Full PDB file with SEQRES, HELIX, SHEET, SSBOND, CRYST1, ORIGX, SCALE, CONECT and MASTER records, all heavy atoms in Angstrom:
SEQRES   1 A   41  GLY ARG MET LEU TRP LEU SER GLY ARG PHE ASP ASP VAL          
SEQRES   2 A   41  VAL TYR ALA ILE ASP THR THR THR GLY LYS VAL ARG LYS          
SEQRES   3 A   41  ILE LYS VAL GLY MET GLU PRO HIS GLY LEU THR VAL SER          
SEQRES   4 A   41  SER PRO                                                      
SHEET    1 AA1 3 MET A   3  GLY A   8  0                                        
SHEET    2 AA1 3 VAL A  13  ASP A  18 -1                                        
SHEET    3 AA1 3 VAL A  24  LYS A  28 -1                                        
CRYST1    1.000    1.000    1.000  90.00  90.00  90.00 P 1           1          
ORIGX1      1.000000  0.000000  0.000000        0.00000                         
ORIGX2      0.000000  1.000000  0.000000        0.00000                         
ORIGX3      0.000000  0.000000  1.000000        0.00000                         
SCALE1      1.000000  0.000000  0.000000        0.00000                         
SCALE2      0.000000  1.000000  0.000000        0.00000                         
SCALE3      0.000000  0.000000  1.000000        0.00000                         
ATOM      1  N   GLY A   1      76.170 202.935 -15.057  1.00  0.00           N  
ATOM      2  CA  GLY A   1      75.733 203.120 -13.682  1.00  0.00           C  
ATOM      3  C   GLY A   1      74.953 204.390 -13.420  1.00  0.00           C  
ATOM      4  O   GLY A   1      74.541 204.647 -12.283  1.00  0.00           O  
ATOM      5  N   ARG A   2      74.692 205.173 -14.443  1.00  0.00           N  
ATOM      6  CA  ARG A   2      74.020 206.472 -14.249  1.00  0.00           C  
ATOM      7  C   ARG A   2      72.509 206.404 -14.204  1.00  0.00           C  
ATOM      8  O   ARG A   2      71.850 207.341 -13.786  1.00  0.00           O  
ATOM      9  CB  ARG A   2      74.431 207.438 -15.346  1.00  0.00           C  
ATOM     10  CG  ARG A   2      75.881 207.807 -15.300  1.00  0.00           C  
ATOM     11  CD  ARG A   2      76.204 208.784 -16.365  1.00  0.00           C  
ATOM     12  NE  ARG A   2      77.645 208.940 -16.495  1.00  0.00           N  
ATOM     13  CZ  ARG A   2      78.226 209.561 -17.487  1.00  0.00           C  
ATOM     14  NH1 ARG A   2      77.509 210.121 -18.435  1.00  0.00           N  
ATOM     15  NH2 ARG A   2      79.516 209.660 -17.529  1.00  0.00           N  
ATOM     16  N   MET A   3      71.940 205.292 -14.676  1.00  0.00           N  
ATOM     17  CA  MET A   3      70.481 205.231 -14.788  1.00  0.00           C  
ATOM     18  C   MET A   3      69.978 203.885 -14.252  1.00  0.00           C  
ATOM     19  O   MET A   3      70.497 202.839 -14.569  1.00  0.00           O  
ATOM     20  CB  MET A   3      70.083 205.366 -16.261  1.00  0.00           C  
ATOM     21  CG  MET A   3      68.640 205.730 -16.486  1.00  0.00           C  
ATOM     22  SD  MET A   3      68.178 207.372 -15.924  1.00  0.00           S  
ATOM     23  CE  MET A   3      69.199 208.439 -16.935  1.00  0.00           C  
ATOM     24  N   LEU A   4      68.954 203.966 -13.411  1.00  0.00           N  
ATOM     25  CA  LEU A   4      68.237 202.796 -12.937  1.00  0.00           C  
ATOM     26  C   LEU A   4      66.956 202.720 -13.745  1.00  0.00           C  
ATOM     27  O   LEU A   4      66.155 203.663 -13.737  1.00  0.00           O  
ATOM     28  CB  LEU A   4      67.926 202.915 -11.448  1.00  0.00           C  
ATOM     29  CG  LEU A   4      67.025 201.835 -10.843  1.00  0.00           C  
ATOM     30  CD1 LEU A   4      67.701 200.459 -10.909  1.00  0.00           C  
ATOM     31  CD2 LEU A   4      66.693 202.194  -9.397  1.00  0.00           C  
ATOM     32  N   TRP A   5      66.778 201.635 -14.468  1.00  0.00           N  
ATOM     33  CA  TRP A   5      65.584 201.429 -15.307  1.00  0.00           C  
ATOM     34  C   TRP A   5      64.662 200.442 -14.606  1.00  0.00           C  
ATOM     35  O   TRP A   5      65.113 199.335 -14.267  1.00  0.00           O  
ATOM     36  CB  TRP A   5      65.981 200.879 -16.665  1.00  0.00           C  
ATOM     37  CG  TRP A   5      66.741 201.839 -17.520  1.00  0.00           C  
ATOM     38  CD1 TRP A   5      68.083 202.015 -17.579  1.00  0.00           C  
ATOM     39  CD2 TRP A   5      66.175 202.769 -18.451  1.00  0.00           C  
ATOM     40  NE1 TRP A   5      68.395 202.994 -18.481  1.00  0.00           N  
ATOM     41  CE2 TRP A   5      67.234 203.473 -19.037  1.00  0.00           C  
ATOM     42  CE3 TRP A   5      64.859 203.064 -18.829  1.00  0.00           C  
ATOM     43  CZ2 TRP A   5      67.029 204.466 -19.989  1.00  0.00           C  
ATOM     44  CZ3 TRP A   5      64.667 204.055 -19.785  1.00  0.00           C  
ATOM     45  CH2 TRP A   5      65.748 204.734 -20.346  1.00  0.00           C  
ATOM     46  N   LEU A   6      63.425 200.822 -14.374  1.00  0.00           N  
ATOM     47  CA  LEU A   6      62.461 199.951 -13.717  1.00  0.00           C  
ATOM     48  C   LEU A   6      61.128 199.974 -14.456  1.00  0.00           C  
ATOM     49  O   LEU A   6      60.695 201.020 -14.936  1.00  0.00           O  
ATOM     50  CB  LEU A   6      62.212 200.387 -12.270  1.00  0.00           C  
ATOM     51  CG  LEU A   6      63.390 200.357 -11.333  1.00  0.00           C  
ATOM     52  CD1 LEU A   6      63.027 201.016  -9.999  1.00  0.00           C  
ATOM     53  CD2 LEU A   6      63.880 198.950 -11.106  1.00  0.00           C  
ATOM     54  N   SER A   7      60.482 198.818 -14.537  1.00  0.00           N  
ATOM     55  CA  SER A   7      59.143 198.799 -15.090  1.00  0.00           C  
ATOM     56  C   SER A   7      58.188 199.388 -14.036  1.00  0.00           C  
ATOM     57  O   SER A   7      58.438 199.275 -12.837  1.00  0.00           O  
ATOM     58  CB  SER A   7      58.705 197.384 -15.456  1.00  0.00           C  
ATOM     59  OG  SER A   7      58.763 196.520 -14.348  1.00  0.00           O  
ATOM     60  N   GLY A   8      57.127 200.027 -14.509  1.00  0.00           N  
ATOM     61  CA  GLY A   8      56.095 200.595 -13.623  1.00  0.00           C  
ATOM     62  C   GLY A   8      54.878 199.705 -13.717  1.00  0.00           C  
ATOM     63  O   GLY A   8      53.925 199.994 -14.445  1.00  0.00           O  
ATOM     64  N   ARG A   9      54.894 198.631 -12.999  1.00  0.00           N  
ATOM     65  CA  ARG A   9      53.958 197.506 -13.141  1.00  0.00           C  
ATOM     66  C   ARG A   9      52.507 197.909 -13.283  1.00  0.00           C  
ATOM     67  O   ARG A   9      51.806 197.433 -14.145  1.00  0.00           O  
ATOM     68  CB  ARG A   9      54.147 196.573 -11.932  1.00  0.00           C  
ATOM     69  CG  ARG A   9      53.210 195.382 -11.907  1.00  0.00           C  
ATOM     70  CD  ARG A   9      53.708 194.294 -12.824  1.00  0.00           C  
ATOM     71  NE  ARG A   9      52.820 193.151 -12.887  1.00  0.00           N  
ATOM     72  CZ  ARG A   9      52.924 192.066 -12.152  1.00  0.00           C  
ATOM     73  NH1 ARG A   9      53.877 191.956 -11.261  1.00  0.00           N  
ATOM     74  NH2 ARG A   9      52.104 191.070 -12.322  1.00  0.00           N  
ATOM     75  N   PHE A  10      52.013 198.753 -12.423  1.00  0.00           N  
ATOM     76  CA  PHE A  10      50.572 199.055 -12.411  1.00  0.00           C  
ATOM     77  C   PHE A  10      50.219 200.386 -13.084  1.00  0.00           C  
ATOM     78  O   PHE A  10      49.064 200.800 -13.080  1.00  0.00           O  
ATOM     79  CB  PHE A  10      50.029 199.049 -10.979  1.00  0.00           C  
ATOM     80  CG  PHE A  10      50.419 197.811 -10.225  1.00  0.00           C  
ATOM     81  CD1 PHE A  10      51.080 197.875  -9.015  1.00  0.00           C  
ATOM     82  CD2 PHE A  10      50.123 196.550 -10.731  1.00  0.00           C  
ATOM     83  CE1 PHE A  10      51.458 196.718  -8.335  1.00  0.00           C  
ATOM     84  CE2 PHE A  10      50.497 195.396 -10.068  1.00  0.00           C  
ATOM     85  CZ  PHE A  10      51.162 195.478  -8.862  1.00  0.00           C  
ATOM     86  N   ASP A  11      51.224 201.048 -13.634  1.00  0.00           N  
ATOM     87  CA  ASP A  11      51.007 202.377 -14.207  1.00  0.00           C  
ATOM     88  C   ASP A  11      51.341 202.476 -15.691  1.00  0.00           C  
ATOM     89  O   ASP A  11      51.386 203.582 -16.235  1.00  0.00           O  
ATOM     90  CB  ASP A  11      51.788 203.404 -13.394  1.00  0.00           C  
ATOM     91  CG  ASP A  11      51.248 203.506 -11.979  1.00  0.00           C  
ATOM     92  OD1 ASP A  11      50.183 204.116 -11.806  1.00  0.00           O  
ATOM     93  OD2 ASP A  11      51.874 202.947 -11.053  1.00  0.00           O  
ATOM     94  N   ASP A  12      51.620 201.346 -16.329  1.00  0.00           N  
ATOM     95  CA  ASP A  12      51.854 201.306 -17.788  1.00  0.00           C  
ATOM     96  C   ASP A  12      52.997 202.217 -18.208  1.00  0.00           C  
ATOM     97  O   ASP A  12      52.934 202.884 -19.254  1.00  0.00           O  
ATOM     98  CB  ASP A  12      50.581 201.657 -18.552  1.00  0.00           C  
ATOM     99  CG  ASP A  12      49.397 200.786 -18.159  1.00  0.00           C  
ATOM    100  OD1 ASP A  12      49.613 199.649 -17.686  1.00  0.00           O  
ATOM    101  OD2 ASP A  12      48.249 201.238 -18.308  1.00  0.00           O  
ATOM    102  N   VAL A  13      54.049 202.244 -17.412  1.00  0.00           N  
ATOM    103  CA  VAL A  13      55.202 203.083 -17.711  1.00  0.00           C  
ATOM    104  C   VAL A  13      56.515 202.330 -17.426  1.00  0.00           C  
ATOM    105  O   VAL A  13      56.513 201.289 -16.756  1.00  0.00           O  
ATOM    106  CB  VAL A  13      55.208 204.403 -16.894  1.00  0.00           C  
ATOM    107  CG1 VAL A  13      54.016 205.263 -17.230  1.00  0.00           C  
ATOM    108  CG2 VAL A  13      55.291 204.124 -15.412  1.00  0.00           C  
ATOM    109  N   VAL A  14      57.591 202.919 -17.888  1.00  0.00           N  
ATOM    110  CA  VAL A  14      58.937 202.529 -17.496  1.00  0.00           C  
ATOM    111  C   VAL A  14      59.555 203.768 -16.846  1.00  0.00           C  
ATOM    112  O   VAL A  14      59.351 204.889 -17.323  1.00  0.00           O  
ATOM    113  CB  VAL A  14      59.774 202.082 -18.730  1.00  0.00           C  
ATOM    114  CG1 VAL A  14      61.249 202.023 -18.404  1.00  0.00           C  
ATOM    115  CG2 VAL A  14      59.290 200.723 -19.227  1.00  0.00           C  
ATOM    116  N   TYR A  15      60.284 203.551 -15.749  1.00  0.00           N  
ATOM    117  CA  TYR A  15      60.933 204.659 -15.060  1.00  0.00           C  
ATOM    118  C   TYR A  15      62.414 204.652 -15.420  1.00  0.00           C  
ATOM    119  O   TYR A  15      63.063 203.615 -15.383  1.00  0.00           O  
ATOM    120  CB  TYR A  15      60.797 204.527 -13.546  1.00  0.00           C  
ATOM    121  CG  TYR A  15      59.384 204.421 -13.071  1.00  0.00           C  
ATOM    122  CD1 TYR A  15      58.903 203.220 -12.548  1.00  0.00           C  
ATOM    123  CD2 TYR A  15      58.521 205.505 -13.129  1.00  0.00           C  
ATOM    124  CE1 TYR A  15      57.590 203.107 -12.113  1.00  0.00           C  
ATOM    125  CE2 TYR A  15      57.208 205.411 -12.699  1.00  0.00           C  
ATOM    126  CZ  TYR A  15      56.753 204.200 -12.183  1.00  0.00           C  
ATOM    127  OH  TYR A  15      55.452 204.082 -11.758  1.00  0.00           O  
ATOM    128  N   ALA A  16      62.926 205.840 -15.717  1.00  0.00           N  
ATOM    129  CA  ALA A  16      64.365 206.048 -15.910  1.00  0.00           C  
ATOM    130  C   ALA A  16      64.773 206.961 -14.764  1.00  0.00           C  
ATOM    131  O   ALA A  16      64.352 208.113 -14.696  1.00  0.00           O  
ATOM    132  CB  ALA A  16      64.642 206.681 -17.261  1.00  0.00           C  
ATOM    133  N   ILE A  17      65.553 206.413 -13.821  1.00  0.00           N  
ATOM    134  CA  ILE A  17      65.858 207.152 -12.601  1.00  0.00           C  
ATOM    135  C   ILE A  17      67.362 207.444 -12.564  1.00  0.00           C  
ATOM    136  O   ILE A  17      68.196 206.542 -12.625  1.00  0.00           O  
ATOM    137  CB  ILE A  17      65.442 206.344 -11.361  1.00  0.00           C  
ATOM    138  CG1 ILE A  17      63.942 206.000 -11.437  1.00  0.00           C  
ATOM    139  CG2 ILE A  17      65.805 207.087 -10.091  1.00  0.00           C  
ATOM    140  CD1 ILE A  17      63.466 205.024 -10.394  1.00  0.00           C  
ATOM    141  N   ASP A  18      67.686 208.721 -12.462  1.00  0.00           N  
ATOM    142  CA  ASP A  18      69.072 209.169 -12.399  1.00  0.00           C  
ATOM    143  C   ASP A  18      69.647 208.716 -11.054  1.00  0.00           C  
ATOM    144  O   ASP A  18      69.136 209.090 -10.002  1.00  0.00           O  
ATOM    145  CB  ASP A  18      69.122 210.701 -12.516  1.00  0.00           C  
ATOM    146  CG  ASP A  18      70.529 211.236 -12.554  1.00  0.00           C  
ATOM    147  OD1 ASP A  18      71.327 210.929 -11.658  1.00  0.00           O  
ATOM    148  OD2 ASP A  18      70.829 212.000 -13.492  1.00  0.00           O  
ATOM    149  N   THR A  19      70.723 207.920 -11.079  1.00  0.00           N  
ATOM    150  CA  THR A  19      71.270 207.368  -9.835  1.00  0.00           C  
ATOM    151  C   THR A  19      72.094 208.384  -9.040  1.00  0.00           C  
ATOM    152  O   THR A  19      72.481 208.100  -7.922  1.00  0.00           O  
ATOM    153  CB  THR A  19      72.127 206.124 -10.106  1.00  0.00           C  
ATOM    154  OG1 THR A  19      73.183 206.453 -10.999  1.00  0.00           O  
ATOM    155  CG2 THR A  19      71.288 204.984 -10.687  1.00  0.00           C  
ATOM    156  N   THR A  20      72.316 209.543  -9.607  1.00  0.00           N  
ATOM    157  CA  THR A  20      73.017 210.597  -8.872  1.00  0.00           C  
ATOM    158  C   THR A  20      72.056 211.478  -8.117  1.00  0.00           C  
ATOM    159  O   THR A  20      72.268 211.823  -6.960  1.00  0.00           O  
ATOM    160  CB  THR A  20      73.862 211.461  -9.839  1.00  0.00           C  
ATOM    161  OG1 THR A  20      74.754 210.619 -10.564  1.00  0.00           O  
ATOM    162  CG2 THR A  20      74.659 212.510  -9.099  1.00  0.00           C  
ATOM    163  N   THR A  21      70.949 211.830  -8.794  1.00  0.00           N  
ATOM    164  CA  THR A  21      70.010 212.801  -8.213  1.00  0.00           C  
ATOM    165  C   THR A  21      68.688 212.165  -7.741  1.00  0.00           C  
ATOM    166  O   THR A  21      67.982 212.774  -6.955  1.00  0.00           O  
ATOM    167  CB  THR A  21      69.640 213.879  -9.247  1.00  0.00           C  
ATOM    168  OG1 THR A  21      68.937 213.243 -10.343  1.00  0.00           O  
ATOM    169  CG2 THR A  21      70.891 214.581  -9.783  1.00  0.00           C  
ATOM    170  N   GLY A  22      68.358 210.983  -8.265  1.00  0.00           N  
ATOM    171  CA  GLY A  22      67.081 210.382  -7.949  1.00  0.00           C  
ATOM    172  C   GLY A  22      65.935 210.915  -8.792  1.00  0.00           C  
ATOM    173  O   GLY A  22      64.780 210.541  -8.598  1.00  0.00           O  
ATOM    174  N   LYS A  23      66.238 211.790  -9.758  1.00  0.00           N  
ATOM    175  CA  LYS A  23      65.197 212.339 -10.631  1.00  0.00           C  
ATOM    176  C   LYS A  23      64.580 211.230 -11.471  1.00  0.00           C  
ATOM    177  O   LYS A  23      65.287 210.412 -12.042  1.00  0.00           O  
ATOM    178  CB  LYS A  23      65.767 213.432 -11.538  1.00  0.00           C  
ATOM    179  CG  LYS A  23      64.735 214.063 -12.419  1.00  0.00           C  
ATOM    180  CD  LYS A  23      65.331 215.148 -13.290  1.00  0.00           C  
ATOM    181  CE  LYS A  23      64.225 215.688 -14.191  1.00  0.00           C  
ATOM    182  NZ  LYS A  23      64.747 216.659 -15.140  1.00  0.00           N  
ATOM    183  N   VAL A  24      63.250 211.225 -11.508  1.00  0.00           N  
ATOM    184  CA  VAL A  24      62.498 210.172 -12.194  1.00  0.00           C  
ATOM    185  C   VAL A  24      61.885 210.695 -13.488  1.00  0.00           C  
ATOM    186  O   VAL A  24      61.250 211.747 -13.482  1.00  0.00           O  
ATOM    187  CB  VAL A  24      61.363 209.641 -11.279  1.00  0.00           C  
ATOM    188  CG1 VAL A  24      60.556 208.569 -11.984  1.00  0.00           C  
ATOM    189  CG2 VAL A  24      61.917 209.116  -9.959  1.00  0.00           C  
ATOM    190  N   ARG A  25      62.096 209.944 -14.551  1.00  0.00           N  
ATOM    191  CA  ARG A  25      61.431 210.231 -15.820  1.00  0.00           C  
ATOM    192  C   ARG A  25      60.538 209.041 -16.128  1.00  0.00           C  
ATOM    193  O   ARG A  25      60.934 207.890 -15.960  1.00  0.00           O  
ATOM    194  CB  ARG A  25      62.469 210.392 -16.927  1.00  0.00           C  
ATOM    195  CG  ARG A  25      61.868 210.829 -18.239  1.00  0.00           C  
ATOM    196  CD  ARG A  25      62.932 211.215 -19.247  1.00  0.00           C  
ATOM    197  NE  ARG A  25      63.932 210.169 -19.364  1.00  0.00           N  
ATOM    198  CZ  ARG A  25      64.440 209.739 -20.522  1.00  0.00           C  
ATOM    199  NH1 ARG A  25      64.080 210.291 -21.642  1.00  0.00           N  
ATOM    200  NH2 ARG A  25      65.339 208.805 -20.532  1.00  0.00           N  
ATOM    201  N   LYS A  26      59.318 209.309 -16.555  1.00  0.00           N  
ATOM    202  CA  LYS A  26      58.334 208.248 -16.872  1.00  0.00           C  
ATOM    203  C   LYS A  26      58.192 208.154 -18.397  1.00  0.00           C  
ATOM    204  O   LYS A  26      58.047 209.160 -19.062  1.00  0.00           O  
ATOM    205  CB  LYS A  26      56.979 208.550 -16.261  1.00  0.00           C  
ATOM    206  CG  LYS A  26      56.998 208.580 -14.742  1.00  0.00           C  
ATOM    207  CD  LYS A  26      55.606 208.903 -14.191  1.00  0.00           C  
ATOM    208  CE  LYS A  26      55.638 209.030 -12.703  1.00  0.00           C  
ATOM    209  NZ  LYS A  26      54.301 209.316 -12.119  1.00  0.00           N  
ATOM    210  N   ILE A  27      58.221 206.904 -18.886  1.00  0.00           N  
ATOM    211  CA  ILE A  27      58.054 206.651 -20.313  1.00  0.00           C  
ATOM    212  C   ILE A  27      56.840 205.751 -20.470  1.00  0.00           C  
ATOM    213  O   ILE A  27      56.812 204.636 -19.942  1.00  0.00           O  
ATOM    214  CB  ILE A  27      59.287 205.985 -20.905  1.00  0.00           C  
ATOM    215  CG1 ILE A  27      60.522 206.876 -20.665  1.00  0.00           C  
ATOM    216  CG2 ILE A  27      59.095 205.683 -22.386  1.00  0.00           C  
ATOM    217  CD1 ILE A  27      61.851 206.163 -20.871  1.00  0.00           C  
ATOM    218  N   LYS A  28      55.809 206.234 -21.172  1.00  0.00           N  
ATOM    219  CA  LYS A  28      54.578 205.478 -21.375  1.00  0.00           C  
ATOM    220  C   LYS A  28      54.867 204.239 -22.234  1.00  0.00           C  
ATOM    221  O   LYS A  28      55.534 204.351 -23.264  1.00  0.00           O  
ATOM    222  CB  LYS A  28      53.535 206.375 -22.046  1.00  0.00           C  
ATOM    223  CG  LYS A  28      52.150 205.822 -22.014  1.00  0.00           C  
ATOM    224  CD  LYS A  28      51.516 206.074 -20.673  1.00  0.00           C  
ATOM    225  CE  LYS A  28      50.058 205.672 -20.706  1.00  0.00           C  
ATOM    226  NZ  LYS A  28      49.607 205.098 -19.459  1.00  0.00           N  
ATOM    227  N   VAL A  29      54.363 203.072 -21.792  1.00  0.00           N  
ATOM    228  CA  VAL A  29      54.526 201.824 -22.539  1.00  0.00           C  
ATOM    229  C   VAL A  29      53.187 201.084 -22.533  1.00  0.00           C  
ATOM    230  O   VAL A  29      52.187 201.627 -22.098  1.00  0.00           O  
ATOM    231  CB  VAL A  29      55.661 200.928 -21.961  1.00  0.00           C  
ATOM    232  CG1 VAL A  29      57.004 201.623 -22.089  1.00  0.00           C  
ATOM    233  CG2 VAL A  29      55.373 200.567 -20.515  1.00  0.00           C  
ATOM    234  N   GLY A  30      53.198 199.832 -22.944  1.00  0.00           N  
ATOM    235  CA  GLY A  30      51.980 199.028 -22.956  1.00  0.00           C  
ATOM    236  C   GLY A  30      51.527 198.647 -21.560  1.00  0.00           C  
ATOM    237  O   GLY A  30      52.124 199.026 -20.540  1.00  0.00           O  
ATOM    238  N   MET A  31      50.473 197.860 -21.518  1.00  0.00           N  
ATOM    239  CA  MET A  31      49.796 197.501 -20.269  1.00  0.00           C  
ATOM    240  C   MET A  31      50.652 196.639 -19.341  1.00  0.00           C  
ATOM    241  O   MET A  31      51.217 195.639 -19.735  1.00  0.00           O  
ATOM    242  CB  MET A  31      48.505 196.744 -20.612  1.00  0.00           C  
ATOM    243  CG  MET A  31      47.586 196.577 -19.448  1.00  0.00           C  
ATOM    244  SD  MET A  31      45.999 195.973 -20.046  1.00  0.00           S  
ATOM    245  CE  MET A  31      45.982 194.366 -19.336  1.00  0.00           C  
ATOM    246  N   GLU A  32      50.756 197.055 -18.108  1.00  0.00           N  
ATOM    247  CA  GLU A  32      51.376 196.347 -16.990  1.00  0.00           C  
ATOM    248  C   GLU A  32      52.725 195.707 -17.310  1.00  0.00           C  
ATOM    249  O   GLU A  32      52.892 194.485 -17.186  1.00  0.00           O  
ATOM    250  CB  GLU A  32      50.405 195.303 -16.433  1.00  0.00           C  
ATOM    251  CG  GLU A  32      49.185 195.927 -15.816  1.00  0.00           C  
ATOM    252  CD  GLU A  32      48.318 194.930 -15.057  1.00  0.00           C  
ATOM    253  OE1 GLU A  32      48.750 193.782 -14.842  1.00  0.00           O  
ATOM    254  OE2 GLU A  32      47.226 195.333 -14.661  1.00  0.00           O  
ATOM    255  N   PRO A  33      53.758 196.496 -17.615  1.00  0.00           N  
ATOM    256  CA  PRO A  33      55.077 195.928 -17.822  1.00  0.00           C  
ATOM    257  C   PRO A  33      55.612 195.311 -16.537  1.00  0.00           C  
ATOM    258  O   PRO A  33      55.546 195.946 -15.484  1.00  0.00           O  
ATOM    259  CB  PRO A  33      55.920 197.125 -18.241  1.00  0.00           C  
ATOM    260  CG  PRO A  33      55.257 198.303 -17.597  1.00  0.00           C  
ATOM    261  CD  PRO A  33      53.778 197.969 -17.618  1.00  0.00           C  
ATOM    262  N   HIS A  34      56.063 194.087 -16.612  1.00  0.00           N  
ATOM    263  CA  HIS A  34      56.469 193.416 -15.388  1.00  0.00           C  
ATOM    264  C   HIS A  34      57.965 193.146 -15.314  1.00  0.00           C  
ATOM    265  O   HIS A  34      58.504 192.805 -14.276  1.00  0.00           O  
ATOM    266  CB  HIS A  34      55.713 192.099 -15.209  1.00  0.00           C  
ATOM    267  CG  HIS A  34      56.037 191.408 -13.916  1.00  0.00           C  
ATOM    268  ND1 HIS A  34      55.896 190.074 -13.744  1.00  0.00           N  
ATOM    269  CD2 HIS A  34      56.496 191.874 -12.725  1.00  0.00           C  
ATOM    270  CE1 HIS A  34      56.251 189.730 -12.516  1.00  0.00           C  
ATOM    271  NE2 HIS A  34      56.613 190.811 -11.878  1.00  0.00           N  
ATOM    272  N   GLY A  35      58.668 193.268 -16.371  1.00  0.00           N  
ATOM    273  CA  GLY A  35      60.104 193.040 -16.324  1.00  0.00           C  
ATOM    274  C   GLY A  35      60.805 193.977 -17.273  1.00  0.00           C  
ATOM    275  O   GLY A  35      60.215 194.474 -18.216  1.00  0.00           O  
ATOM    276  N   LEU A  36      62.054 194.252 -16.970  1.00  0.00           N  
ATOM    277  CA  LEU A  36      62.830 195.112 -17.829  1.00  0.00           C  
ATOM    278  C   LEU A  36      64.285 194.714 -17.640  1.00  0.00           C  
ATOM    279  O   LEU A  36      64.757 194.588 -16.512  1.00  0.00           O  
ATOM    280  CB  LEU A  36      62.615 196.563 -17.429  1.00  0.00           C  
ATOM    281  CG  LEU A  36      63.227 197.627 -18.325  1.00  0.00           C  
ATOM    282  CD1 LEU A  36      62.347 198.864 -18.285  1.00  0.00           C  
ATOM    283  CD2 LEU A  36      64.631 197.964 -17.932  1.00  0.00           C  
ATOM    284  N   THR A  37      64.982 194.453 -18.713  1.00  0.00           N  
ATOM    285  CA  THR A  37      66.399 194.176 -18.603  1.00  0.00           C  
ATOM    286  C   THR A  37      67.170 195.165 -19.442  1.00  0.00           C  
ATOM    287  O   THR A  37      66.660 195.704 -20.428  1.00  0.00           O  
ATOM    288  CB  THR A  37      66.714 192.715 -19.023  1.00  0.00           C  
ATOM    289  OG1 THR A  37      68.062 192.415 -18.651  1.00  0.00           O  
ATOM    290  CG2 THR A  37      66.534 192.492 -20.502  1.00  0.00           C  
ATOM    291  N   VAL A  38      68.369 195.453 -19.020  1.00  0.00           N  
ATOM    292  CA  VAL A  38      69.249 196.353 -19.755  1.00  0.00           C  
ATOM    293  C   VAL A  38      70.217 195.446 -20.498  1.00  0.00           C  
ATOM    294  O   VAL A  38      70.907 194.636 -19.887  1.00  0.00           O  
ATOM    295  CB  VAL A  38      69.986 197.295 -18.789  1.00  0.00           C  
ATOM    296  CG1 VAL A  38      70.959 198.183 -19.525  1.00  0.00           C  
ATOM    297  CG2 VAL A  38      68.996 198.143 -18.007  1.00  0.00           C  
ATOM    298  N   SER A  39      70.248 195.568 -21.830  1.00  0.00           N  
ATOM    299  CA  SER A  39      71.000 194.609 -22.620  1.00  0.00           C  
ATOM    300  C   SER A  39      72.482 194.926 -22.744  1.00  0.00           C  
ATOM    301  O   SER A  39      73.145 194.416 -23.610  1.00  0.00           O  
ATOM    302  CB  SER A  39      70.377 194.479 -24.025  1.00  0.00           C  
ATOM    303  OG  SER A  39      70.495 195.698 -24.700  1.00  0.00           O  
ATOM    304  N   SER A  40      72.980 195.766 -21.887  1.00  0.00           N  
ATOM    305  CA  SER A  40      74.421 196.011 -21.856  1.00  0.00           C  
ATOM    306  C   SER A  40      75.043 195.040 -20.849  1.00  0.00           C  
ATOM    307  O   SER A  40      74.331 194.401 -20.088  1.00  0.00           O  
ATOM    308  CB  SER A  40      74.672 197.457 -21.460  1.00  0.00           C  
ATOM    309  OG  SER A  40      74.057 197.739 -20.221  1.00  0.00           O  
ATOM    310  N   PRO A  41      76.353 194.948 -20.836  1.00  0.00           N  
ATOM    311  CA  PRO A  41      76.970 193.998 -19.897  1.00  0.00           C  
ATOM    312  C   PRO A  41      76.551 194.246 -18.460  1.00  0.00           C  
ATOM    313  O   PRO A  41      76.478 195.386 -18.018  1.00  0.00           O  
ATOM    314  CB  PRO A  41      78.471 194.254 -20.075  1.00  0.00           C  
ATOM    315  CG  PRO A  41      78.588 194.901 -21.402  1.00  0.00           C  
ATOM    316  CD  PRO A  41      77.328 195.672 -21.626  1.00  0.00           C  
TER     317      PRO A  41                                                      
MASTER        0    0    0    0    3    0    0    6  316    1    0    4          
END                                                                             
C-alpha cells in the first residue's frame, strides 16, 4: 500500500507515487504506456 504505480500515457514514463507523501518519481519507459499492473496480490 505504500506506492501507487501509474503509467504516464503521453509522456513515455511510469510514475511511482508515495501514498504517504504524494512524492512522484518518474521512470522512463517505451512509447505511450497505457496500462500497468502490479503482480502482487
